Amino acid sequence: MSDKVHRIAIVGTTYPYRGGLAAFNERLARQFMAEGHEVQIFTFTMQYPDFLFPGKTQYSDSPAPKDLKITRTMNSIAPWSWWKTARLLKKAKIDVLVIKFWIPLMAPCLGTIARLARRQGIQVVSVLDNVIPHEPHFWDKWLIRYFVRSVDRFVAMSESVRQDCLKFLPRDKQNCVKLSPHPLYDNFGEAVEKREARTELGLPGDKTILLFFGFIRDYKGLDVLMKAYAEAIQSKVESRKSKAELLLVVAGEFYNNGEQYKQLEQELGLEGTIAWHTDFIPDERVRLYFSASDMIVQPYKTATQSGVTQIAYHFERPMLVTNVGGLAEIVPDGKVGYVCPVDEHAIAQALVQFAEMPADEREKLFGENIKKEKQKYAWSVMTRAILE
């Protein structure tokens, strides 16, 4: 099947919307196009009602991509637009429909489009970010079941997501879920020299910089990290080490109450040791943050997989992740970074160990392993999984 040229539609988030979902769908479309397929993206006229969106804006202020065919047709809460989208799929003679699923709220819209497409003989494949959400509600199971039973086959990006999907499938469809890891986010450009990146961001050149990157939500564990960071700083003071000092950079927009973190900063005595960059980080500046950093830290309380790890792989930065969901599957402990329990003391110990390691030793321990490991996450692996 994968040798055939297909007419492929991707239904989901893309420009003019911003964020990781849009970046994923756009990069996936470009990979299919590079392989010779015809690709269209159908996106929302309204993705979330404003009162349901936790950030400042849903929309990108970057220019529209000129190489992608994007049609805005779906309103997530307007059923007539779902039927309109299905008619457009039929008119375009689509034979493969790809849907990125990430939240039960979208199940009525995306599931209905999938069902209408299947009636037209279109094969429907869903790439699963999550099945069970990080922040659950009592209605989730009904919505998830509706969506899952609307789709022919699935590509799960971690084993934990694959297992979650199987819970909603009848026994005769248990073989319809394929595992393929989240590909590299290689669409943010190439790395820049570390000192240049730090100068551009106004960060000091003589510190070991830890980066917490992405939308800030409770399940991502910034509070756990801050407590661990405070402990790590105290440990360095008590041991009287003369190595480079630590600096935590928090780069991303608050999706919940930001004041709780500022209050915690005061309680822990961390004023002046955290650089807060809490506006949305546009795509063209992502590479500066990763290039400026020494280690990427993801202290998540729950997780499936994370696009942040795949940006870190692209920029070849070691990582610290917690042993939740699928994170440990893609960050081999001791080879490309650290895998810790969701425990501030364990995280603090790893931070101190990393901070006290000379730069050449870090490169020897992590650098070559990262270069090897990242080869597993090519976009061609994802497109092959979908078309197979």
Protein backbone atom coordinates (compact mmCIF):
# COMPACT_ATOMS: atom_id res chain seq x y z
CA MET A 1 0.00 0.00 0.00
CA SER A 2 2.79 2.45 0.90
CA ASP A 3 4.25 2.37 -2.66
CA LYS A 4 1.05 3.81 -4.10
CA VAL A 5 0.49 7.55 -4.52
CA HIS A 6 -2.41 8.55 -2.27
CA ARG A 7 -4.76 11.47 -1.98
CA ILE A 8 -4.39 12.22 1.73
CA ALA A 9 -6.39 14.56 3.90
CA ILE A 10 -5.30 15.61 7.37
CA VAL A 11 -8.18 16.82 9.51
CA GLY A 12 -7.23 18.82 12.59
CA THR A 13 -5.31 21.78 13.93
CA THR A 14 -3.07 23.78 11.60
CA TYR A 15 -2.46 27.41 10.63
CA PRO A 16 -3.90 29.93 11.57
CA TYR A 17 -3.85 28.07 14.90
CA ARG A 18 -0.60 27.74 16.81
CA GLY A 19 1.15 25.23 19.04
CA GLY A 20 2.39 21.66 18.90
CA LEU A 21 -0.70 20.17 17.21
CA ALA A 22 -0.43 22.59 14.31
CA ALA A 23 3.33 22.01 14.04
CA PHE A 24 2.80 18.23 13.97
CA ASN A 25 0.11 18.27 11.27
CA GLU A 26 2.04 20.68 9.07
CA ARG A 27 5.26 18.67 9.36
CA LEU A 28 3.38 15.43 8.66
CA ALA A 29 1.81 16.97 5.55
CA ARG A 30 5.23 18.04 4.26
CA GLN A 31 6.61 14.54 4.77
CA PHE A 32 3.75 12.97 2.82
CA MET A 33 4.29 15.56 0.06
CA ALA A 34 8.03 14.80 -0.04
CA GLU A 35 7.12 11.16 -0.60
CA GLY A 36 5.02 12.09 -3.62
CA HIS A 37 1.49 12.02 -2.17
CA GLU A 38 -1.21 14.63 -2.73
CA VAL A 39 -2.08 16.28 0.57
CA GLN A 40 -4.74 18.67 1.81
CA ILE A 41 -5.36 19.87 5.37
CA PHE A 42 -8.86 20.66 6.63
CA THR A 43 -8.85 22.74 9.79
CA PHE A 44 -11.18 24.71 12.01
CA THR A 45 -13.07 27.92 11.52
CA MET A 46 -13.49 27.69 15.30
CA GLN A 47 -11.41 25.23 17.31
CA TYR A 48 -12.37 26.10 20.90
CA PRO A 49 -14.95 28.58 22.13
CA ASP A 50 -12.94 31.36 23.76
CA PHE A 51 -14.28 30.60 27.24
CA LEU A 52 -12.87 27.05 27.02
CA PHE A 53 -9.41 28.09 25.84
CA PRO A 54 -6.98 28.55 28.76
CA GLY A 55 -4.28 30.57 26.98
CA LYS A 56 -4.10 34.14 25.73
CA THR A 57 -4.91 33.39 22.08
CA GLN A 58 -5.38 30.37 19.85
CA TYR A 59 -3.97 32.09 16.80
CA SER A 60 -0.52 32.39 15.28
CA ASP A 61 0.91 35.75 14.27
CA SER A 62 3.37 34.13 11.84
CA PRO A 63 2.76 34.29 8.07
CA ALA A 64 0.67 31.54 6.48
CA PRO A 65 2.64 28.60 5.06
CA LYS A 66 2.74 28.93 1.28
CA ASP A 67 3.54 25.29 0.52
CA LEU A 68 0.46 23.75 2.17
CA LYS A 69 -3.12 23.50 0.91
CA ILE A 70 -5.21 24.44 3.96
CA THR A 71 -9.00 24.75 3.99
CA ARG A 72 -10.83 26.16 7.03
CA THR A 73 -14.13 24.34 7.22
CA MET A 74 -14.88 22.85 10.68
CA ASN A 75 -16.51 24.42 13.68
CA SER A 76 -15.96 22.07 16.60
CA ILE A 77 -19.47 22.71 17.99
CA ALA A 78 -21.43 23.14 14.73
CA PRO A 79 -22.59 19.79 13.26
CA TRP A 80 -23.50 21.23 9.86
CA SER A 81 -19.80 22.10 9.35
CA TRP A 82 -18.87 18.46 9.96
CA TRP A 83 -21.14 17.38 7.12
CA LYS A 84 -19.67 20.12 4.94
CA THR A 85 -16.17 18.80 5.63
CA ALA A 86 -17.20 15.28 4.69
CA ARG A 87 -18.62 16.57 1.38
CA LEU A 88 -15.33 18.33 0.67
CA LEU A 89 -13.44 15.11 1.33
CA LYS A 90 -15.64 13.31 -1.17
CA LYS A 91 -15.25 16.08 -3.75
CA ALA A 92 -11.44 15.91 -3.37
CA LYS A 93 -11.55 12.11 -3.91
CA ILE A 94 -9.57 11.49 -0.75
CA ASP A 95 -8.61 7.87 -0.10
CA VAL A 96 -6.74 8.20 3.22
CA LEU A 97 -7.94 10.45 6.05
CA VAL A 98 -5.55 11.13 8.96
CA ILE A 99 -6.96 12.57 12.19
CA LYS A 100 -4.80 13.66 15.15
CA PHE A 101 -6.78 12.96 18.33
CA TRP A 102 -5.80 14.62 21.59
CA ILE A 103 -8.84 15.51 23.69
CA PRO A 104 -12.36 14.02 24.21
CA LEU A 105 -13.96 17.43 23.63
CA MET A 106 -13.18 17.00 19.92
CA ALA A 107 -14.72 13.51 19.67
CA PRO A 108 -18.17 14.55 18.34
CA CYS A 109 -16.66 16.70 15.58
CA LEU A 110 -13.77 14.45 14.53
CA GLY A 111 -15.65 11.20 15.12
CA THR A 112 -18.62 12.29 12.99
CA ILE A 113 -16.34 13.38 10.14
CA ALA A 114 -14.58 10.01 10.37
CA ARG A 115 -17.87 8.09 10.20
CA LEU A 116 -19.09 10.07 7.20
CA ALA A 117 -15.75 9.56 5.46
CA ARG A 118 -15.84 5.80 6.00
CA ARG A 119 -19.28 5.66 4.37
CA GLN A 120 -17.58 7.08 1.28
CA GLY A 121 -14.94 4.32 1.30
CA ILE A 122 -12.17 6.50 2.75
CA GLN A 123 -9.71 4.73 5.02
CA VAL A 124 -9.49 6.58 8.36
CA VAL A 125 -6.35 6.44 10.50
CA SER A 126 -6.04 8.33 13.78
CA VAL A 127 -2.69 9.36 15.25
CA LEU A 128 -3.20 9.32 19.00
CA ASP A 129 -1.60 11.94 21.24
CA ASN A 130 -3.70 10.83 24.17
CA VAL A 131 -6.75 8.67 24.61
CA ILE A 132 -7.46 9.30 28.29
CA PRO A 133 -6.78 12.99 29.03
CA HIS A 134 -4.35 14.30 31.64
CA GLU A 135 -7.16 16.27 33.29
CA PRO A 136 -10.18 13.89 33.16
CA HIS A 137 -13.93 14.58 33.36
CA PHE A 138 -16.83 12.23 34.00
CA TRP A 139 -18.05 12.43 30.39
CA ASP A 140 -14.71 11.44 28.82
CA LYS A 141 -15.34 7.71 28.42
CA TRP A 142 -18.50 8.17 26.36
CA LEU A 143 -16.81 10.66 24.05
CA ILE A 144 -13.65 8.56 23.67
CA ARG A 145 -15.68 5.46 22.85
CA TYR A 146 -17.59 7.39 20.18
CA PHE A 147 -14.40 8.56 18.51
CA VAL A 148 -12.47 5.30 18.75
CA ARG A 149 -15.32 3.35 17.17
CA SER A 150 -15.44 5.87 14.32
CA VAL A 151 -11.95 5.02 13.04
CA ASP A 152 -10.51 2.12 11.02
CA ARG A 153 -7.01 2.01 12.48
CA PHE A 154 -4.76 3.83 14.93
CA VAL A 155 -1.15 4.87 15.35
CA ALA A 156 -0.29 5.31 19.05
CA MET A 157 2.85 7.27 19.85
CA SER A 158 3.60 5.44 23.10
CA GLU A 159 2.84 2.05 24.62
CA SER A 160 0.73 3.61 27.37
CA VAL A 161 -1.49 5.29 24.77
CA ARG A 162 -1.75 2.02 22.82
CA GLN A 163 -2.94 0.25 25.95
CA ASP A 164 -5.46 3.02 26.66
CA CYS A 165 -6.86 2.72 23.14
CA LEU A 166 -7.28 -1.05 23.44
CA LYS A 167 -9.57 -0.54 26.44
CA PHE A 168 -12.15 1.07 24.13
CA LEU A 169 -11.97 -1.43 21.26
CA PRO A 170 -13.90 -4.68 20.86
CA ARG A 171 -11.85 -7.86 20.87
CA ASP A 172 -11.95 -8.27 17.08
CA LYS A 173 -10.25 -4.87 16.59
CA GLN A 174 -7.38 -5.31 19.06
CA ASN A 175 -4.89 -5.64 16.19
CA CYS A 176 -5.85 -2.26 14.71
CA VAL A 177 -3.49 -0.22 16.91
CA LYS A 178 0.10 0.21 15.72
CA LEU A 179 2.88 1.70 17.84
CA SER A 180 5.07 4.38 16.26
CA PRO A 181 6.92 6.97 18.37
CA HIS A 182 6.50 10.73 18.10
CA PRO A 183 8.83 11.94 15.33
CA LEU A 184 11.46 14.65 15.75
CA TYR A 185 10.30 18.23 15.69
CA ASP A 186 12.91 19.29 13.15
CA ASN A 187 10.91 22.23 11.81
CA PHE A 188 12.37 24.86 14.16
CA GLY A 189 15.61 25.34 12.25
CA GLU A 190 19.16 24.48 13.17
CA ALA A 191 20.89 25.12 16.49
CA VAL A 192 22.85 28.31 17.02
CA GLU A 193 26.02 28.71 19.08
CA LYS A 194 25.18 28.55 22.78
CA ARG A 195 26.68 31.92 23.75
CA GLU A 196 24.96 33.63 20.82
CA ALA A 197 21.59 32.15 21.85
CA ARG A 198 22.06 33.25 25.46
CA THR A 199 22.99 36.77 24.42
CA GLU A 200 19.87 36.99 22.23
CA LEU A 201 17.68 35.85 25.14
CA GLY A 202 19.42 37.97 27.75
CA LEU A 203 20.66 34.91 29.68
CA PRO A 204 24.04 34.64 31.44
CA GLY A 205 26.84 32.78 29.72
CA ASP A 206 28.43 31.25 32.83
CA LYS A 207 25.58 29.19 34.31
CA THR A 208 24.27 25.67 33.81
CA ILE A 209 20.86 26.36 32.28
CA LEU A 210 17.92 24.02 32.85
CA LEU A 211 14.98 24.55 30.49
CA PHE A 212 11.33 23.88 31.33
CA PHE A 213 9.58 24.44 28.00
CA GLY A 214 5.98 24.51 26.78
CA PHE A 215 2.49 25.40 27.97
CA ILE A 216 2.41 25.41 31.77
CA ARG A 217 -0.31 23.15 33.17
CA ASP A 218 -0.56 21.43 36.53
CA TYR A 219 0.19 17.92 35.23
CA LYS A 220 3.56 19.09 33.86
CA GLY A 221 4.91 19.37 37.39
CA LEU A 222 6.57 22.77 37.45
CA ASP A 223 5.87 22.93 41.19
CA VAL A 224 7.71 19.62 41.68
CA LEU A 225 10.64 20.95 39.66
CA MET A 226 10.81 24.18 41.64
CA LYS A 227 11.01 22.27 44.93
CA ALA A 228 13.70 19.99 43.50
CA TYR A 229 15.57 22.98 42.11
CA ALA A 230 15.54 24.71 45.50
CA GLU A 231 16.92 21.55 47.09
CA ALA A 232 19.63 21.28 44.41
CA ILE A 233 20.71 24.88 44.96
CA GLN A 234 20.89 24.33 48.72
CA SER A 235 22.90 21.16 48.20
CA LYS A 236 25.44 23.06 46.12
CA VAL A 237 25.70 25.78 48.75
CA GLU A 238 26.30 23.27 51.52
CA SER A 239 28.90 21.31 49.54
CA ARG A 240 30.69 24.57 48.64
CA LYS A 241 31.24 23.46 45.07
CA SER A 242 32.77 26.03 42.75
CA LYS A 243 31.23 24.71 39.56
CA ALA A 244 28.91 26.80 37.38
CA GLU A 245 25.75 27.95 39.14
CA LEU A 246 22.31 26.70 38.11
CA LEU A 247 19.69 28.78 36.34
CA LEU A 248 16.16 27.53 35.64
CA VAL A 249 14.51 29.01 32.55
CA VAL A 250 10.73 28.61 32.36
CA ALA A 251 9.65 29.28 28.77
CA GLY A 252 5.97 28.96 27.92
CA GLU A 253 2.53 30.39 28.49
CA PHE A 254 0.56 29.75 31.68
CA TYR A 255 -2.51 27.56 31.05
CA ASN A 256 -3.50 27.73 34.71
CA ASN A 257 -3.00 30.20 37.55
CA GLY A 258 0.51 31.57 37.19
CA GLU A 259 0.41 33.28 40.57
CA GLN A 260 0.73 29.98 42.42
CA TYR A 261 4.19 29.49 40.91
CA LYS A 262 5.30 33.03 41.72
CA GLN A 263 4.12 32.51 45.30
CA LEU A 264 6.01 29.21 45.47
CA GLU A 265 9.10 30.99 44.16
CA GLN A 266 8.95 33.34 47.16
CA GLU A 267 8.25 30.55 49.66
CA LEU A 268 11.28 28.59 48.41
CA GLY A 269 13.56 31.63 48.32
CA LEU A 270 14.16 31.26 44.58
CA GLU A 271 13.86 34.92 43.57
CA GLY A 272 16.60 35.75 41.09
CA THR A 273 17.34 32.10 40.25
CA ILE A 274 14.48 31.57 37.76
CA ALA A 275 14.18 33.34 34.41
CA TRP A 276 10.46 33.59 33.60
CA HIS A 277 9.71 33.83 29.86
CA THR A 278 5.98 33.18 30.10
CA ASP A 279 4.67 34.56 26.85
CA PHE A 280 3.92 32.17 23.99
CA ILE A 281 7.21 31.23 22.31
CA PRO A 282 6.88 31.67 18.52
CA ASP A 283 8.34 28.98 16.28
CA GLU A 284 11.21 31.13 15.07
CA ARG A 285 12.53 31.59 18.65
CA VAL A 286 12.23 27.98 19.82
CA ARG A 287 15.75 27.16 18.63
CA LEU A 288 17.20 29.96 20.76
CA TYR A 289 15.86 28.43 23.99
CA PHE A 290 17.06 24.92 23.20
CA SER A 291 20.43 26.14 21.90
CA ALA A 292 20.94 28.22 25.07
CA SER A 293 20.18 25.31 27.41
CA ASP A 294 22.33 22.58 28.90
CA MET A 295 19.50 20.20 29.84
CA ILE A 296 15.75 20.02 29.15
CA VAL A 297 13.69 19.14 32.23
CA GLN A 298 10.22 17.51 32.08
CA PRO A 299 9.05 16.69 35.62
CA TYR A 300 5.58 15.59 34.50
CA LYS A 301 3.14 14.11 37.01
CA THR A 302 1.29 12.28 34.22
CA ALA A 303 2.19 11.89 30.56
CA THR A 304 1.75 9.85 27.43
CA GLN A 305 4.56 11.17 25.25
CA SER A 306 5.83 14.69 24.68
CA GLY A 307 6.75 16.80 21.69
CA VAL A 308 9.27 18.62 23.90
CA THR A 309 11.47 15.51 24.05
CA GLN A 310 11.50 15.43 20.26
CA ILE A 311 12.58 19.07 20.05
CA ALA A 312 15.34 18.22 22.55
CA TYR A 313 16.46 15.32 20.37
CA HIS A 314 16.57 17.57 17.30
CA PHE A 315 18.80 20.08 19.12
CA GLU A 316 20.74 17.23 20.74
CA ARG A 317 20.20 18.27 24.33
CA PRO A 318 20.16 15.80 27.25
CA MET A 319 16.90 15.49 29.16
CA LEU A 320 15.54 14.78 32.59
CA VAL A 321 12.09 13.17 32.55
CA THR A 322 9.90 11.48 35.12
CA ASN A 323 8.98 7.82 34.86
CA VAL A 324 5.37 8.35 33.78
CA GLY A 325 3.50 7.35 30.63
CA GLY A 326 5.76 6.85 27.63
CA LEU A 327 8.54 9.29 28.58
CA ALA A 328 10.94 6.59 29.81
CA GLU A 329 10.41 4.69 26.54
CA ILE A 330 12.12 7.43 24.55
CA VAL A 331 14.68 8.75 27.06
CA PRO A 332 16.99 5.83 27.98
CA ASP A 333 18.20 6.47 31.53
CA GLY A 334 21.91 7.21 31.77
CA LYS A 335 22.32 7.37 28.00
CA VAL A 336 20.51 10.50 26.84
CA GLY A 337 19.63 11.87 30.25
CA TYR A 338 17.93 10.93 33.49
CA VAL A 339 14.68 9.13 34.29
CA CYS A 340 13.46 9.94 37.81
CA PRO A 341 10.38 9.11 39.85
CA VAL A 342 7.96 11.98 40.46
CA ASP A 343 9.90 12.87 43.56
CA GLU A 344 11.57 16.19 44.23
CA HIS A 345 14.50 14.61 46.12
CA ALA A 346 15.37 12.23 43.27
CA ILE A 347 15.08 15.03 40.74
CA ALA A 348 17.28 17.28 42.90
CA GLN A 349 20.00 14.62 43.05
CA ALA A 350 19.98 14.28 39.25
CA LEU A 351 20.17 18.07 38.83
CA VAL A 352 23.18 18.28 41.14
CA GLN A 353 24.91 15.36 39.42
CA PHE A 354 24.43 17.02 36.03
CA ALA A 355 25.52 20.47 37.26
CA GLU A 356 28.75 19.11 38.73
CA MET A 357 29.67 17.25 35.54
CA PRO A 358 32.22 19.05 33.31
CA ALA A 359 30.94 19.98 29.83
CA ASP A 360 33.29 17.57 28.03
CA GLU A 361 32.13 14.73 30.28
CA ARG A 362 28.47 15.55 29.55
CA GLU A 363 29.19 15.43 25.82
CA LYS A 364 31.01 12.12 26.16
CA LEU A 365 28.25 10.58 28.28
CA PHE A 366 25.19 11.90 26.45
CA GLY A 367 26.16 13.47 23.12
CA GLU A 368 26.91 10.44 20.95
CA ASN A 369 23.99 8.47 22.42
CA ILE A 370 21.58 11.28 21.57
CA LYS A 371 22.84 11.35 17.97
CA LYS A 372 22.25 7.61 17.67
CA GLU A 373 18.90 7.54 19.48
CA LYS A 374 17.36 10.35 17.43
CA GLN A 375 17.63 8.25 14.25
CA LYS A 376 14.63 6.23 15.46
CA TYR A 377 12.34 9.23 15.16
CA ALA A 378 12.39 10.10 11.47
CA TRP A 379 9.11 11.37 9.98
CA SER A 380 9.29 8.64 7.34
CA VAL A 381 8.76 6.12 10.17
CA MET A 382 5.47 7.83 11.04
CA THR A 383 4.20 8.09 7.45
CA ARG A 384 5.08 4.44 6.85
CA ALA A 385 3.17 3.42 9.99
CA ILE A 386 0.09 5.34 8.80
CA LEU A 387 0.13 3.96 5.26
CA GLU A 388 0.83 0.40 6.33
